Amino acid sequence: MTKTSDLPEPSDHLPSPSRKPGAFYGVGVGPGDPELMTLKAARLIGQADVVAYPTLPGGPSLSRTIASGAIRAGTEELQIEVPMTAEREPAQAAYDEGAMKISAHLAAGRDVVYLCEGDPFFYGSFMYLHARLSRQFATATVPGVSSVNAGAAMAGLPLAARNEVLSILPAPLPDDVLRARLAGCSAAVIMKVGRHLPRLRRLLDAEGLTPSACYIERASMEDERVLPLSAAPDDAPYFSMILVVKGADPWL
């Protein structure tokens, strides 16, 4: 792995046949509010030869929307369409194809910045491209504000203090696994809630954790919602989470 400090500064010049291979940057753009992008992320995006980002097939890109103000006019853009399916094969094929397209730009001497919602190494699609390209090309990862941090800030709930244990739990985990992980932590963030919300609501209620749980939807975006879990909607989008802080009643 190449350290960020070891990489050349992105160039504004057009590539030439004699130019050495470009560098590949995974840049976290934060959870939704463009002002939560780091200064480094904005600088690299503005200097990139190529800006790449994930999209659902035929859909818009949230990471591109967040970073739109930092992309300079005339920058080449590359969409990586990634299907959202339970089966892994379609997504892996999409990353294979995306890696080939990105590698062509890198081999031609163009620096490529790949945009990731939140942080690139926290449930980010960049990690799959990094695995395919980092052995061949210079790569660097620029961390970003994750939705977990944004959600805690929006709810006004500290995640952990002193020796407390914080667990990050994907909602698709089986109930027995969720119960065991919840029992062993001081606070938990349940990610990727979506269609799992009714099941999670029942589970947390049975564990007596509903009073200490809040529902957070689209943290830091214009249409964000922060509600007691008991008041959460019946349908939750993919970009939603449940924050559980044991012993805390955030709604008093």
C-alpha atoms as a PDB file:
ATOM      1  CA  MET A   1       0.000   0.000   0.000  1.00  0.00           C
ATOM      2  CA  THR A   2       1.256   3.477  -0.849  1.00  0.00           C
ATOM      3  CA  LYS A   3       1.052   6.214   1.774  1.00  0.00           C
ATOM      4  CA  THR A   4      -0.695   9.426   0.762  1.00  0.00           C
ATOM      5  CA  SER A   5       2.491  11.381   1.486  1.00  0.00           C
ATOM      6  CA  ASP A   6       4.405   9.215  -1.003  1.00  0.00           C
ATOM      7  CA  LEU A   7       2.084   9.981  -3.914  1.00  0.00           C
ATOM      8  CA  PRO A   8       2.722  12.762  -6.408  1.00  0.00           C
ATOM      9  CA  GLU A   9       0.464  15.757  -6.325  1.00  0.00           C
ATOM     10  CA  PRO A  10      -2.330  15.445  -8.924  1.00  0.00           C
ATOM     11  CA  SER A  11      -1.468  17.264 -12.125  1.00  0.00           C
ATOM     12  CA  ASP A  12      -3.624  19.669 -14.098  1.00  0.00           C
ATOM     13  CA  HIS A  13      -1.677  18.905 -17.279  1.00  0.00           C
ATOM     14  CA  LEU A  14      -2.958  16.711 -20.060  1.00  0.00           C
ATOM     15  CA  PRO A  15      -1.395  13.237 -20.127  1.00  0.00           C
ATOM     16  CA  SER A  16       1.390  12.502 -22.591  1.00  0.00           C
ATOM     17  CA  PRO A  17       2.844   9.200 -23.807  1.00  0.00           C
ATOM     18  CA  SER A  18       5.961   9.744 -21.646  1.00  0.00           C
ATOM     19  CA  ARG A  19       4.066  10.472 -18.459  1.00  0.00           C
ATOM     20  CA  LYS A  20       4.296   7.882 -15.689  1.00  0.00           C
ATOM     21  CA  PRO A  21       1.150   6.057 -14.537  1.00  0.00           C
ATOM     22  CA  GLY A  22      -1.440   8.053 -12.683  1.00  0.00           C
ATOM     23  CA  ALA A  23      -2.385   7.664  -9.038  1.00  0.00           C
ATOM     24  CA  PHE A  24      -5.668   6.263  -7.765  1.00  0.00           C
ATOM     25  CA  TYR A  25      -7.365   8.083  -4.888  1.00  0.00           C
ATOM     26  CA  GLY A  26     -10.331   6.834  -2.876  1.00  0.00           C
ATOM     27  CA  VAL A  27     -11.888   9.975  -1.453  1.00  0.00           C
ATOM     28  CA  GLY A  28     -14.569  10.031   1.215  1.00  0.00           C
ATOM     29  CA  VAL A  29     -17.045  12.855   0.562  1.00  0.00           C
ATOM     30  CA  GLY A  30     -18.977  12.532   3.825  1.00  0.00           C
ATOM     31  CA  PRO A  31     -22.550  11.513   4.573  1.00  0.00           C
ATOM     32  CA  GLY A  32     -24.448  14.078   2.529  1.00  0.00           C
ATOM     33  CA  ASP A  33     -23.827  17.674   3.576  1.00  0.00           C
ATOM     34  CA  PRO A  34     -21.188  19.031   1.144  1.00  0.00           C
ATOM     35  CA  GLU A  35     -19.737  21.149   3.951  1.00  0.00           C
ATOM     36  CA  LEU A  36     -18.724  17.931   5.733  1.00  0.00           C
ATOM     37  CA  MET A  37     -16.244  17.125   2.968  1.00  0.00           C
ATOM     38  CA  THR A  38     -12.657  17.557   4.106  1.00  0.00           C
ATOM     39  CA  LEU A  39     -10.431  20.233   2.615  1.00  0.00           C
ATOM     40  CA  LYS A  40      -8.169  17.495   1.255  1.00  0.00           C
ATOM     41  CA  ALA A  41     -11.066  15.748  -0.449  1.00  0.00           C
ATOM     42  CA  ALA A  42     -12.178  18.980  -2.124  1.00  0.00           C
ATOM     43  CA  ARG A  43      -8.630  19.753  -3.275  1.00  0.00           C
ATOM     44  CA  LEU A  44      -8.017  16.319  -4.799  1.00  0.00           C
ATOM     45  CA  ILE A  45     -11.407  16.296  -6.529  1.00  0.00           C
ATOM     46  CA  GLY A  46     -10.719  19.730  -7.996  1.00  0.00           C
ATOM     47  CA  GLN A  47      -7.314  18.661  -9.339  1.00  0.00           C
ATOM     48  CA  ALA A  48      -8.263  15.237 -10.690  1.00  0.00           C
ATOM     49  CA  ASP A  49      -7.893  14.283 -14.338  1.00  0.00           C
ATOM     50  CA  VAL A  50     -10.769  11.815 -13.963  1.00  0.00           C
ATOM     51  CA  VAL A  51     -13.495  11.652 -11.316  1.00  0.00           C
ATOM     52  CA  ALA A  52     -15.166   8.251 -10.950  1.00  0.00           C
ATOM     53  CA  TYR A  53     -18.135   7.330  -8.766  1.00  0.00           C
ATOM     54  CA  PRO A  54     -20.619   4.512  -8.156  1.00  0.00           C
ATOM     55  CA  THR A  55     -24.212   4.596  -9.337  1.00  0.00           C
ATOM     56  CA  LEU A  56     -27.130   2.237  -9.372  1.00  0.00           C
ATOM     57  CA  PRO A  57     -27.880   1.109 -12.939  1.00  0.00           C
ATOM     58  CA  GLY A  58     -29.660   3.996 -14.631  1.00  0.00           C
ATOM     59  CA  GLY A  59     -29.759   6.025 -11.414  1.00  0.00           C
ATOM     60  CA  PRO A  60     -28.016   9.125 -10.034  1.00  0.00           C
ATOM     61  CA  SER A  61     -24.898   9.060  -7.877  1.00  0.00           C
ATOM     62  CA  LEU A  62     -25.186  10.396  -4.324  1.00  0.00           C
ATOM     63  CA  SER A  63     -21.421  10.760  -3.982  1.00  0.00           C
ATOM     64  CA  ARG A  64     -21.306  12.783  -7.213  1.00  0.00           C
ATOM     65  CA  THR A  65     -24.134  15.004  -5.964  1.00  0.00           C
ATOM     66  CA  ILE A  66     -22.290  15.665  -2.706  1.00  0.00           C
ATOM     67  CA  ALA A  67     -19.029  16.508  -4.471  1.00  0.00           C
ATOM     68  CA  SER A  68     -20.509  18.393  -7.434  1.00  0.00           C
ATOM     69  CA  GLY A  69     -19.317  21.794  -6.246  1.00  0.00           C
ATOM     70  CA  ALA A  70     -15.701  20.595  -6.120  1.00  0.00           C
ATOM     71  CA  ILE A  71     -15.560  19.071  -9.630  1.00  0.00           C
ATOM     72  CA  ARG A  72     -14.015  21.523 -12.047  1.00  0.00           C
ATOM     73  CA  ALA A  73     -15.557  22.158 -15.456  1.00  0.00           C
ATOM     74  CA  GLY A  74     -14.211  19.860 -18.160  1.00  0.00           C
ATOM     75  CA  THR A  75     -13.158  17.069 -15.804  1.00  0.00           C
ATOM     76  CA  GLU A  76     -13.708  13.647 -17.332  1.00  0.00           C
ATOM     77  CA  GLU A  77     -16.244  11.626 -15.357  1.00  0.00           C
ATOM     78  CA  LEU A  78     -16.569   7.859 -15.138  1.00  0.00           C
ATOM     79  CA  GLN A  79     -19.690   6.152 -13.798  1.00  0.00           C
ATOM     80  CA  ILE A  80     -19.332   2.694 -12.248  1.00  0.00           C
ATOM     81  CA  GLU A  81     -22.763   1.062 -12.285  1.00  0.00           C
ATOM     82  CA  VAL A  82     -23.083  -1.329  -9.349  1.00  0.00           C
ATOM     83  CA  PRO A  83     -26.297  -3.373  -8.983  1.00  0.00           C
ATOM     84  CA  MET A  84     -27.751  -3.601  -5.462  1.00  0.00           C
ATOM     85  CA  THR A  85     -28.566  -7.293  -5.177  1.00  0.00           C
ATOM     86  CA  ALA A  86     -28.239  -9.954  -2.495  1.00  0.00           C
ATOM     87  CA  GLU A  87     -26.155 -12.044  -4.892  1.00  0.00           C
ATOM     88  CA  ARG A  88     -22.510 -10.978  -4.977  1.00  0.00           C
ATOM     89  CA  GLU A  89     -21.697 -12.003  -8.557  1.00  0.00           C
ATOM     90  CA  PRO A  90     -23.321  -9.031 -10.365  1.00  0.00           C
ATOM     91  CA  ALA A  91     -21.562  -6.502  -8.133  1.00  0.00           C
ATOM     92  CA  GLN A  92     -18.218  -8.295  -8.435  1.00  0.00           C
ATOM     93  CA  ALA A  93     -18.548  -8.263 -12.226  1.00  0.00           C
ATOM     94  CA  ALA A  94     -19.286  -4.528 -12.066  1.00  0.00           C
ATOM     95  CA  TYR A  95     -16.144  -3.925  -9.989  1.00  0.00           C
ATOM     96  CA  ASP A  96     -14.104  -5.991 -12.454  1.00  0.00           C
ATOM     97  CA  GLU A  97     -15.354  -3.854 -15.323  1.00  0.00           C
ATOM     98  CA  GLY A  98     -14.892  -0.625 -13.361  1.00  0.00           C
ATOM     99  CA  ALA A  99     -11.344  -1.566 -12.422  1.00  0.00           C
ATOM    100  CA  MET A 100     -10.497  -2.167 -16.092  1.00  0.00           C
ATOM    101  CA  LYS A 101     -11.845   1.260 -17.089  1.00  0.00           C
ATOM    102  CA  ILE A 102      -9.991   2.991 -14.265  1.00  0.00           C
ATOM    103  CA  SER A 103      -6.757   1.111 -14.982  1.00  0.00           C
ATOM    104  CA  ALA A 104      -6.856   2.338 -18.593  1.00  0.00           C
ATOM    105  CA  HIS A 105      -6.850   5.946 -17.358  1.00  0.00           C
ATOM    106  CA  LEU A 106      -4.121   5.244 -14.800  1.00  0.00           C
ATOM    107  CA  ALA A 107      -1.936   3.516 -17.370  1.00  0.00           C
ATOM    108  CA  ALA A 108      -2.291   6.546 -19.627  1.00  0.00           C
ATOM    109  CA  GLY A 109      -0.947   8.776 -16.854  1.00  0.00           C
ATOM    110  CA  ARG A 110      -4.212  10.217 -15.599  1.00  0.00           C
ATOM    111  CA  ASP A 111      -4.915  10.588 -11.883  1.00  0.00           C
ATOM    112  CA  VAL A 112      -8.294   9.122 -10.936  1.00  0.00           C
ATOM    113  CA  VAL A 113     -10.287  10.198  -7.888  1.00  0.00           C
ATOM    114  CA  TYR A 114     -13.024   7.781  -6.877  1.00  0.00           C
ATOM    115  CA  LEU A 115     -15.826   9.335  -4.812  1.00  0.00           C
ATOM    116  CA  CYS A 116     -17.281   7.427  -1.878  1.00  0.00           C
ATOM    117  CA  GLU A 117     -20.170   8.406   0.375  1.00  0.00           C
ATOM    118  CA  GLY A 118     -19.015   8.611   3.963  1.00  0.00           C
ATOM    119  CA  ASP A 119     -15.630   6.921   4.367  1.00  0.00           C
ATOM    120  CA  PRO A 120     -14.043   4.764   1.628  1.00  0.00           C
ATOM    121  CA  PHE A 121     -13.138   1.899   3.970  1.00  0.00           C
ATOM    122  CA  PHE A 122     -16.414   1.883   5.910  1.00  0.00           C
ATOM    123  CA  TYR A 123     -18.868  -0.137   3.810  1.00  0.00           C
ATOM    124  CA  GLY A 124     -17.480   1.743   0.800  1.00  0.00           C
ATOM    125  CA  SER A 125     -17.344   0.438  -2.764  1.00  0.00           C
ATOM    126  CA  PHE A 126     -13.817   1.827  -3.128  1.00  0.00           C
ATOM    127  CA  MET A 127     -12.396  -1.070  -1.117  1.00  0.00           C
ATOM    128  CA  TYR A 128     -13.285  -3.523  -3.895  1.00  0.00           C
ATOM    129  CA  LEU A 129     -11.545  -1.408  -6.521  1.00  0.00           C
ATOM    130  CA  HIS A 130      -8.608  -0.872  -4.192  1.00  0.00           C
ATOM    131  CA  ALA A 131      -8.177  -4.645  -3.930  1.00  0.00           C
ATOM    132  CA  ARG A 132      -8.074  -4.918  -7.722  1.00  0.00           C
ATOM    133  CA  LEU A 133      -5.787  -1.966  -8.477  1.00  0.00           C
ATOM    134  CA  SER A 134      -3.505  -1.224  -5.511  1.00  0.00           C
ATOM    135  CA  ARG A 135      -0.834  -3.779  -6.452  1.00  0.00           C
ATOM    136  CA  GLN A 136      -0.401  -2.307  -9.898  1.00  0.00           C
ATOM    137  CA  PHE A 137      -0.861   1.415  -9.316  1.00  0.00           C
ATOM    138  CA  ALA A 138      -0.042   3.937  -6.594  1.00  0.00           C
ATOM    139  CA  THR A 139      -3.128   4.315  -4.428  1.00  0.00           C
ATOM    140  CA  ALA A 140      -4.180   6.409  -1.451  1.00  0.00           C
ATOM    141  CA  THR A 141      -7.284   6.646   0.692  1.00  0.00           C
ATOM    142  CA  VAL A 142      -8.639   9.934   2.012  1.00  0.00           C
ATOM    143  CA  PRO A 143     -10.927   9.314   4.999  1.00  0.00           C
ATOM    144  CA  GLY A 144     -14.301  10.982   5.254  1.00  0.00           C
ATOM    145  CA  VAL A 145     -16.965  11.674   7.872  1.00  0.00           C
ATOM    146  CA  SER A 146     -19.064   8.527   8.153  1.00  0.00           C
ATOM    147  CA  SER A 147     -22.832   8.382   8.526  1.00  0.00           C
ATOM    148  CA  VAL A 148     -22.270   6.928  12.011  1.00  0.00           C
ATOM    149  CA  ASN A 149     -20.497  10.086  13.150  1.00  0.00           C
ATOM    150  CA  ALA A 150     -23.045  12.298  11.445  1.00  0.00           C
ATOM    151  CA  GLY A 151     -25.963  10.364  12.929  1.00  0.00           C
ATOM    152  CA  ALA A 152     -24.596  10.613  16.461  1.00  0.00           C
ATOM    153  CA  ALA A 153     -24.077  14.336  15.984  1.00  0.00           C
ATOM    154  CA  MET A 154     -27.602  14.848  14.636  1.00  0.00           C
ATOM    155  CA  ALA A 155     -29.084  12.878  17.555  1.00  0.00           C
ATOM    156  CA  GLY A 156     -26.856  14.538  20.144  1.00  0.00           C
ATOM    157  CA  LEU A 157     -25.742  11.148  21.497  1.00  0.00           C
ATOM    158  CA  PRO A 158     -22.113  10.305  22.320  1.00  0.00           C
ATOM    159  CA  LEU A 159     -21.069   6.975  20.837  1.00  0.00           C
ATOM    160  CA  ALA A 160     -18.552   5.810  23.437  1.00  0.00           C
ATOM    161  CA  ALA A 161     -16.604   7.044  26.451  1.00  0.00           C
ATOM    162  CA  ARG A 162     -13.800   5.638  28.591  1.00  0.00           C
ATOM    163  CA  ASN A 163     -13.877   1.829  28.275  1.00  0.00           C
ATOM    164  CA  GLU A 164     -17.318   1.546  26.692  1.00  0.00           C
ATOM    165  CA  VAL A 165     -17.682  -0.765  23.696  1.00  0.00           C
ATOM    166  CA  LEU A 166     -19.341   0.382  20.459  1.00  0.00           C
ATOM    167  CA  SER A 167     -20.638  -2.206  17.999  1.00  0.00           C
ATOM    168  CA  ILE A 168     -21.418  -1.606  14.321  1.00  0.00           C
ATOM    169  CA  LEU A 169     -24.035  -4.131  13.238  1.00  0.00           C
ATOM    170  CA  PRO A 170     -25.402  -4.705   9.706  1.00  0.00           C
ATOM    171  CA  ALA A 171     -29.185  -5.094   9.852  1.00  0.00           C
ATOM    172  CA  PRO A 172     -29.251  -8.257   7.658  1.00  0.00           C
ATOM    173  CA  LEU A 173     -27.527 -10.263  10.426  1.00  0.00           C
ATOM    174  CA  PRO A 174     -29.731 -13.027  11.916  1.00  0.00           C
ATOM    175  CA  ASP A 175     -31.690 -12.190  15.057  1.00  0.00           C
ATOM    176  CA  ASP A 176     -29.651 -14.462  17.318  1.00  0.00           C
ATOM    177  CA  VAL A 177     -26.404 -12.831  16.169  1.00  0.00           C
ATOM    178  CA  LEU A 178     -27.822  -9.340  16.697  1.00  0.00           C
ATOM    179  CA  ARG A 179     -28.984 -10.239  20.200  1.00  0.00           C
ATOM    180  CA  ALA A 180     -25.579 -11.609  21.146  1.00  0.00           C
ATOM    181  CA  ARG A 181     -23.736  -8.572  19.787  1.00  0.00           C
ATOM    182  CA  LEU A 182     -26.143  -6.148  21.467  1.00  0.00           C
ATOM    183  CA  ALA A 183     -25.668  -7.922  24.790  1.00  0.00           C
ATOM    184  CA  GLY A 184     -21.915  -7.437  24.621  1.00  0.00           C
ATOM    185  CA  CYS A 185     -21.722  -3.698  23.966  1.00  0.00           C
ATOM    186  CA  SER A 186     -22.460  -0.364  25.606  1.00  0.00           C
ATOM    187  CA  ALA A 187     -23.790   1.230  22.425  1.00  0.00           C
ATOM    188  CA  ALA A 188     -24.591   0.001  18.938  1.00  0.00           C
ATOM    189  CA  VAL A 189     -25.223   1.398  15.498  1.00  0.00           C
ATOM    190  CA  ILE A 190     -27.387  -0.811  13.297  1.00  0.00           C
ATOM    191  CA  MET A 191     -26.660   0.001   9.655  1.00  0.00           C
ATOM    192  CA  LYS A 192     -28.501  -0.669   6.383  1.00  0.00           C
ATOM    193  CA  VAL A 193     -31.890  -0.714   8.093  1.00  0.00           C
ATOM    194  CA  GLY A 194     -34.181  -0.390   5.074  1.00  0.00           C
ATOM    195  CA  ARG A 195     -36.656  -3.270   4.764  1.00  0.00           C
ATOM    196  CA  HIS A 196     -35.379  -4.788   8.036  1.00  0.00           C
ATOM    197  CA  LEU A 197     -36.932  -2.052  10.194  1.00  0.00           C
ATOM    198  CA  PRO A 198     -40.060  -3.975  11.342  1.00  0.00           C
ATOM    199  CA  ARG A 199     -37.956  -6.966  12.412  1.00  0.00           C
ATOM    200  CA  LEU A 200     -35.417  -4.763  14.187  1.00  0.00           C
ATOM    201  CA  ARG A 201     -38.154  -2.861  15.978  1.00  0.00           C
ATOM    202  CA  ARG A 202     -39.570  -6.121  17.346  1.00  0.00           C
ATOM    203  CA  LEU A 203     -36.146  -7.401  18.361  1.00  0.00           C
ATOM    204  CA  LEU A 204     -35.128  -4.231  20.206  1.00  0.00           C
ATOM    205  CA  ASP A 205     -38.485  -4.014  21.919  1.00  0.00           C
ATOM    206  CA  ALA A 206     -38.152  -7.605  23.151  1.00  0.00           C
ATOM    207  CA  GLU A 207     -34.682  -6.773  24.504  1.00  0.00           C
ATOM    208  CA  GLY A 208     -36.013  -3.712  26.349  1.00  0.00           C
ATOM    209  CA  LEU A 209     -33.865  -1.360  24.277  1.00  0.00           C
ATOM    210  CA  THR A 210     -36.557   0.678  22.528  1.00  0.00           C
ATOM    211  CA  PRO A 211     -36.406   3.576  25.053  1.00  0.00           C
ATOM    212  CA  SER A 212     -32.671   3.922  24.382  1.00  0.00           C
ATOM    213  CA  ALA A 213     -32.912   3.707  20.600  1.00  0.00           C
ATOM    214  CA  CYS A 214     -33.345   6.381  17.994  1.00  0.00           C
ATOM    215  CA  TYR A 215     -33.959   6.141  14.271  1.00  0.00           C
ATOM    216  CA  ILE A 216     -31.839   8.297  11.945  1.00  0.00           C
ATOM    217  CA  GLU A 217     -32.610   8.701   8.266  1.00  0.00           C
ATOM    218  CA  ARG A 218     -30.356  10.403   5.684  1.00  0.00           C
ATOM    219  CA  ALA A 219     -28.066  11.936   8.302  1.00  0.00           C
ATOM    220  CA  SER A 220     -26.853  15.461   7.431  1.00  0.00           C
ATOM    221  CA  MET A 221     -28.911  15.660   4.223  1.00  0.00           C
ATOM    222  CA  GLU A 222     -31.620  18.249   3.664  1.00  0.00           C
ATOM    223  CA  ASP A 223     -34.370  15.685   4.289  1.00  0.00           C
ATOM    224  CA  GLU A 224     -32.770  14.075   7.347  1.00  0.00           C
ATOM    225  CA  ARG A 225     -35.007  12.676  10.098  1.00  0.00           C
ATOM    226  CA  VAL A 226     -34.122  11.881  13.714  1.00  0.00           C
ATOM    227  CA  LEU A 227     -36.906  10.170  15.662  1.00  0.00           C
ATOM    228  CA  PRO A 228     -37.463   7.885  18.639  1.00  0.00           C
ATOM    229  CA  LEU A 229     -37.455   4.340  17.344  1.00  0.00           C
ATOM    230  CA  SER A 230     -41.053   4.022  18.537  1.00  0.00           C
ATOM    231  CA  ALA A 231     -42.004   6.845  16.154  1.00  0.00           C
ATOM    232  CA  ALA A 232     -39.999   5.616  13.169  1.00  0.00           C
ATOM    233  CA  PRO A 233     -41.852   5.202   9.855  1.00  0.00           C
ATOM    234  CA  ASP A 234     -42.989   1.803   8.648  1.00  0.00           C
ATOM    235  CA  ASP A 235     -40.755   2.014   5.576  1.00  0.00           C
ATOM    236  CA  ALA A 236     -37.107   2.979   5.902  1.00  0.00           C
ATOM    237  CA  PRO A 237     -34.689   3.871   3.084  1.00  0.00           C
ATOM    238  CA  TYR A 238     -31.317   2.190   2.672  1.00  0.00           C
ATOM    239  CA  PHE A 239     -29.614   5.272   4.119  1.00  0.00           C
ATOM    240  CA  SER A 240     -31.017   4.843   7.611  1.00  0.00           C
ATOM    241  CA  MET A 241     -29.696   3.532  10.915  1.00  0.00           C
ATOM    242  CA  ILE A 242     -30.701   2.839  14.485  1.00  0.00           C
ATOM    243  CA  LEU A 243     -28.514   4.183  17.261  1.00  0.00           C
ATOM    244  CA  VAL A 244     -28.788   2.389  20.597  1.00  0.00           C
ATOM    245  CA  VAL A 245     -27.099   3.893  23.667  1.00  0.00           C
ATOM    246  CA  LYS A 246     -27.790   1.704  26.672  1.00  0.00           C
ATOM    247  CA  GLY A 247     -29.000   3.517  29.765  1.00  0.00           C
ATOM    248  CA  ALA A 248     -29.720   6.692  27.844  1.00  0.00           C
ATOM    249  CA  ASP A 249     -33.136   8.087  27.082  1.00  0.00           C
ATOM    250  CA  PRO A 250     -32.417  10.748  24.474  1.00  0.00           C
ATOM    251  CA  TRP A 251     -36.027  11.877  24.259  1.00  0.00           C
ATOM    252  CA  LEU A 252     -36.633  13.164  27.801  1.00  0.00           C
END
